[in-house]
Amino acid sequence: MIKLSRYGALAGILALAGCSTVAQAPATSNVSPQDLGFITTAYQLVHFDLAACAYVQKGGLTPTVVPVANKICADAAKYAPQIQAQAKANGVTLPNTLPVELKAQLVALSYHPSPSLSVAFLRDEISSHESALAVFQDEIHNGTSPEFKQVAIETTPLVEQNLDMLRDALPKDMGQ
């Protein structure tokens, strides 16, 4: 019985070792921790959006939030392959899972969100876009990779536009 438990524990540890929530680059790479933080955040924003979209597009959003969700979903689908290409070009291995807090937000969307699915979706998206915007702006000012800085420069206006759109769609009596 003890041998079986040890093997089970070892299998669990090995499974967890394969999970990564942050981008990684080889030690010989010129990619800085700052730049890895940026590409990690860009990946997380896009994949959080795609996962949230997969759920909310099944229905349950108010009619005024549907076009907002559709725009967020279309942007995420457009930028996912670009982030992957940028990472590959720089020898960066992207995360293979979202961090716990983003997973928790996704789970919460599926369990009768309060006060409504639309409000929960908007709040989650506002939160993730605010966090991403801060990291993107930091990359513009402090990043070391010209390629990643350029991606941040080109993408920041879209994140800002989407953040404004999300805030405008949130019912005024709901606040943030």
Protein backbone atom coordinates (compact mmCIF):
# COMPACT_ATOMS: atom_id res chain seq x y z
CA MET A 1 0.00 0.00 0.00
CA ILE A 2 2.83 2.40 0.81
CA LYS A 3 4.49 1.76 -2.57
CA LEU A 4 1.25 2.58 -4.35
CA SER A 5 0.93 5.84 -2.40
CA ARG A 6 4.50 6.82 -3.21
CA TYR A 7 3.94 6.17 -6.90
CA GLY A 8 0.71 8.13 -6.81
CA ALA A 9 2.45 11.05 -5.11
CA LEU A 10 5.31 10.88 -7.61
CA ALA A 11 2.86 10.86 -10.51
CA GLY A 12 1.10 13.90 -9.02
CA ILE A 13 4.39 15.77 -8.63
CA LEU A 14 5.43 14.94 -12.18
CA ALA A 15 2.04 16.08 -13.50
CA LEU A 16 2.38 19.38 -11.65
CA ALA A 17 5.93 19.82 -12.91
CA GLY A 18 4.51 19.90 -16.43
CA CYS A 19 2.18 22.79 -15.56
CA SER A 20 3.51 26.28 -15.99
CA THR A 21 1.68 29.57 -15.54
CA VAL A 22 4.62 31.71 -16.73
CA ALA A 23 6.54 31.94 -19.99
CA GLN A 24 10.06 30.59 -19.94
CA ALA A 25 13.14 31.13 -22.06
CA PRO A 26 16.36 29.14 -22.23
CA ALA A 27 19.20 30.36 -20.00
CA THR A 28 21.12 31.28 -23.14
CA SER A 29 18.32 33.56 -24.32
CA ASN A 30 18.48 37.35 -24.32
CA VAL A 31 14.85 37.57 -23.21
CA SER A 32 14.68 39.45 -19.91
CA PRO A 33 12.39 38.67 -16.97
CA GLN A 34 10.55 41.91 -17.82
CA ASP A 35 9.88 40.69 -21.35
CA LEU A 36 8.85 37.24 -20.10
CA GLY A 37 6.37 38.93 -17.78
CA PHE A 38 4.92 40.84 -20.71
CA ILE A 39 4.51 37.82 -22.98
CA THR A 40 3.06 35.82 -20.07
CA THR A 41 0.45 38.52 -19.43
CA ALA A 42 -0.40 38.84 -23.12
CA TYR A 43 -0.86 35.06 -23.31
CA GLN A 44 -2.96 34.99 -20.15
CA LEU A 45 -5.22 37.83 -21.29
CA VAL A 46 -5.89 36.20 -24.66
CA HIS A 47 -6.46 32.71 -23.29
CA PHE A 48 -8.61 33.95 -20.41
CA ASP A 49 -10.71 35.82 -22.96
CA LEU A 50 -10.99 32.76 -25.20
CA ALA A 51 -12.01 30.54 -22.27
CA ALA A 52 -14.55 33.07 -20.99
CA CYS A 53 -15.91 33.51 -24.50
CA ALA A 54 -16.36 29.77 -24.95
CA TYR A 55 -18.65 29.85 -21.92
CA VAL A 56 -20.60 33.08 -22.39
CA GLN A 57 -21.23 32.61 -26.09
CA LYS A 58 -23.44 29.64 -25.19
CA GLY A 59 -26.02 32.16 -24.05
CA GLY A 60 -27.14 34.04 -20.99
CA LEU A 61 -25.67 37.47 -21.75
CA THR A 62 -27.96 40.46 -21.96
CA PRO A 63 -28.46 41.77 -25.51
CA THR A 64 -26.37 44.88 -24.83
CA VAL A 65 -23.36 42.81 -23.70
CA VAL A 66 -23.41 40.34 -26.63
CA PRO A 67 -21.64 42.69 -29.10
CA VAL A 68 -19.07 43.57 -26.42
CA ALA A 69 -18.36 39.89 -25.81
CA ASN A 70 -18.19 39.25 -29.55
CA LYS A 71 -15.56 41.99 -29.96
CA ILE A 72 -13.47 40.69 -27.05
CA CYS A 73 -13.70 37.16 -28.45
CA ALA A 74 -12.76 38.21 -31.99
CA ASP A 75 -9.76 40.20 -30.73
CA ALA A 76 -8.56 37.28 -28.62
CA ALA A 77 -8.86 34.88 -31.55
CA LYS A 78 -6.92 37.32 -33.74
CA TYR A 79 -4.08 37.89 -31.27
CA ALA A 80 -3.57 34.34 -29.97
CA PRO A 81 -1.57 33.17 -33.02
CA GLN A 82 0.41 36.43 -33.06
CA ILE A 83 1.50 35.93 -29.45
CA GLN A 84 2.46 32.34 -30.21
CA ALA A 85 4.51 33.44 -33.23
CA GLN A 86 6.25 36.17 -31.24
CA ALA A 87 7.11 33.72 -28.48
CA LYS A 88 8.39 31.11 -30.93
CA ALA A 89 10.52 33.69 -32.75
CA ASN A 90 12.20 34.55 -29.45
CA GLY A 91 12.61 30.97 -28.19
CA VAL A 92 10.02 31.48 -25.46
CA THR A 93 7.89 28.62 -24.17
CA LEU A 94 4.44 29.95 -23.32
CA PRO A 95 2.54 28.86 -20.21
CA ASN A 96 0.39 25.78 -20.61
CA THR A 97 -2.18 26.78 -18.01
CA LEU A 98 -3.76 29.88 -16.55
CA PRO A 99 -2.96 31.00 -13.01
CA VAL A 100 -5.32 29.95 -10.22
CA GLU A 101 -7.03 33.35 -9.93
CA LEU A 102 -8.02 33.38 -13.61
CA LYS A 103 -9.18 29.76 -13.41
CA ALA A 104 -11.29 30.72 -10.40
CA GLN A 105 -12.93 33.53 -12.37
CA LEU A 106 -13.77 31.09 -15.15
CA VAL A 107 -15.30 28.62 -12.71
CA ALA A 108 -17.33 31.42 -11.11
CA LEU A 109 -18.80 32.31 -14.51
CA SER A 110 -20.28 28.83 -14.76
CA TYR A 111 -21.97 28.85 -11.33
CA HIS A 112 -24.89 31.24 -11.42
CA PRO A 113 -22.85 34.45 -11.24
CA SER A 114 -24.35 37.22 -9.20
CA PRO A 115 -25.98 39.55 -10.03
CA SER A 116 -25.89 38.22 -13.61
CA LEU A 117 -23.66 36.49 -16.14
CA SER A 118 -23.29 39.74 -18.06
CA VAL A 119 -22.11 41.70 -15.01
CA ALA A 120 -19.76 38.90 -13.92
CA PHE A 121 -18.29 38.66 -17.43
CA LEU A 122 -17.80 42.42 -17.68
CA ARG A 123 -16.21 42.66 -14.22
CA ASP A 124 -13.83 39.77 -14.94
CA GLU A 125 -12.87 41.22 -18.30
CA ILE A 126 -12.34 44.69 -16.82
CA SER A 127 -10.09 43.23 -14.15
CA SER A 128 -8.01 41.20 -16.60
CA HIS A 129 -7.71 44.11 -19.04
CA GLU A 130 -6.67 46.54 -16.28
CA SER A 131 -3.94 44.16 -15.14
CA ALA A 132 -2.77 43.56 -18.70
CA LEU A 133 -2.74 47.27 -19.49
CA ALA A 134 -0.44 47.97 -16.55
CA VAL A 135 1.98 45.26 -17.72
CA PHE A 136 1.83 46.44 -21.35
CA GLN A 137 2.61 50.02 -20.32
CA ASP A 138 5.47 48.77 -18.15
CA GLU A 139 6.85 46.84 -21.13
CA ILE A 140 6.75 49.98 -23.27
CA HIS A 141 8.82 51.87 -20.69
CA ASN A 142 11.05 49.13 -19.27
CA GLY A 143 11.15 46.23 -21.73
CA THR A 144 14.47 45.24 -23.22
CA SER A 145 13.29 43.34 -26.30
CA PRO A 146 12.56 45.71 -29.21
CA GLU A 147 10.16 43.12 -30.64
CA PHE A 148 8.15 42.75 -27.43
CA LYS A 149 8.13 46.52 -26.88
CA GLN A 150 6.73 46.96 -30.39
CA VAL A 151 3.99 44.43 -29.70
CA ALA A 152 3.14 46.32 -26.49
CA ILE A 153 3.10 49.65 -28.34
CA GLU A 154 0.85 48.28 -31.09
CA THR A 155 -1.50 46.38 -28.75
CA THR A 156 -1.94 48.90 -25.91
CA PRO A 157 -4.47 51.08 -27.81
CA LEU A 158 -6.65 48.01 -28.44
CA VAL A 159 -6.52 47.00 -24.77
CA GLU A 160 -7.44 50.58 -23.80
CA GLN A 161 -10.33 50.66 -26.29
CA ASN A 162 -11.65 47.32 -25.09
CA LEU A 163 -11.33 48.40 -21.47
CA ASP A 164 -13.36 51.55 -22.20
CA MET A 165 -15.96 49.48 -24.06
CA LEU A 166 -16.22 47.01 -21.16
CA ARG A 167 -16.59 49.80 -18.60
CA ASP A 168 -19.25 51.51 -20.70
CA ALA A 169 -21.22 48.25 -20.97
CA LEU A 170 -21.26 47.69 -17.21
CA PRO A 171 -24.59 48.90 -15.81
CA LYS A 172 -23.97 52.19 -14.02
CA ASP A 173 -25.59 51.00 -10.80
CA MET A 174 -23.19 48.00 -10.66
CA GLY A 175 -19.90 49.89 -10.45
CA GLN A 176 -16.63 48.04 -10.61
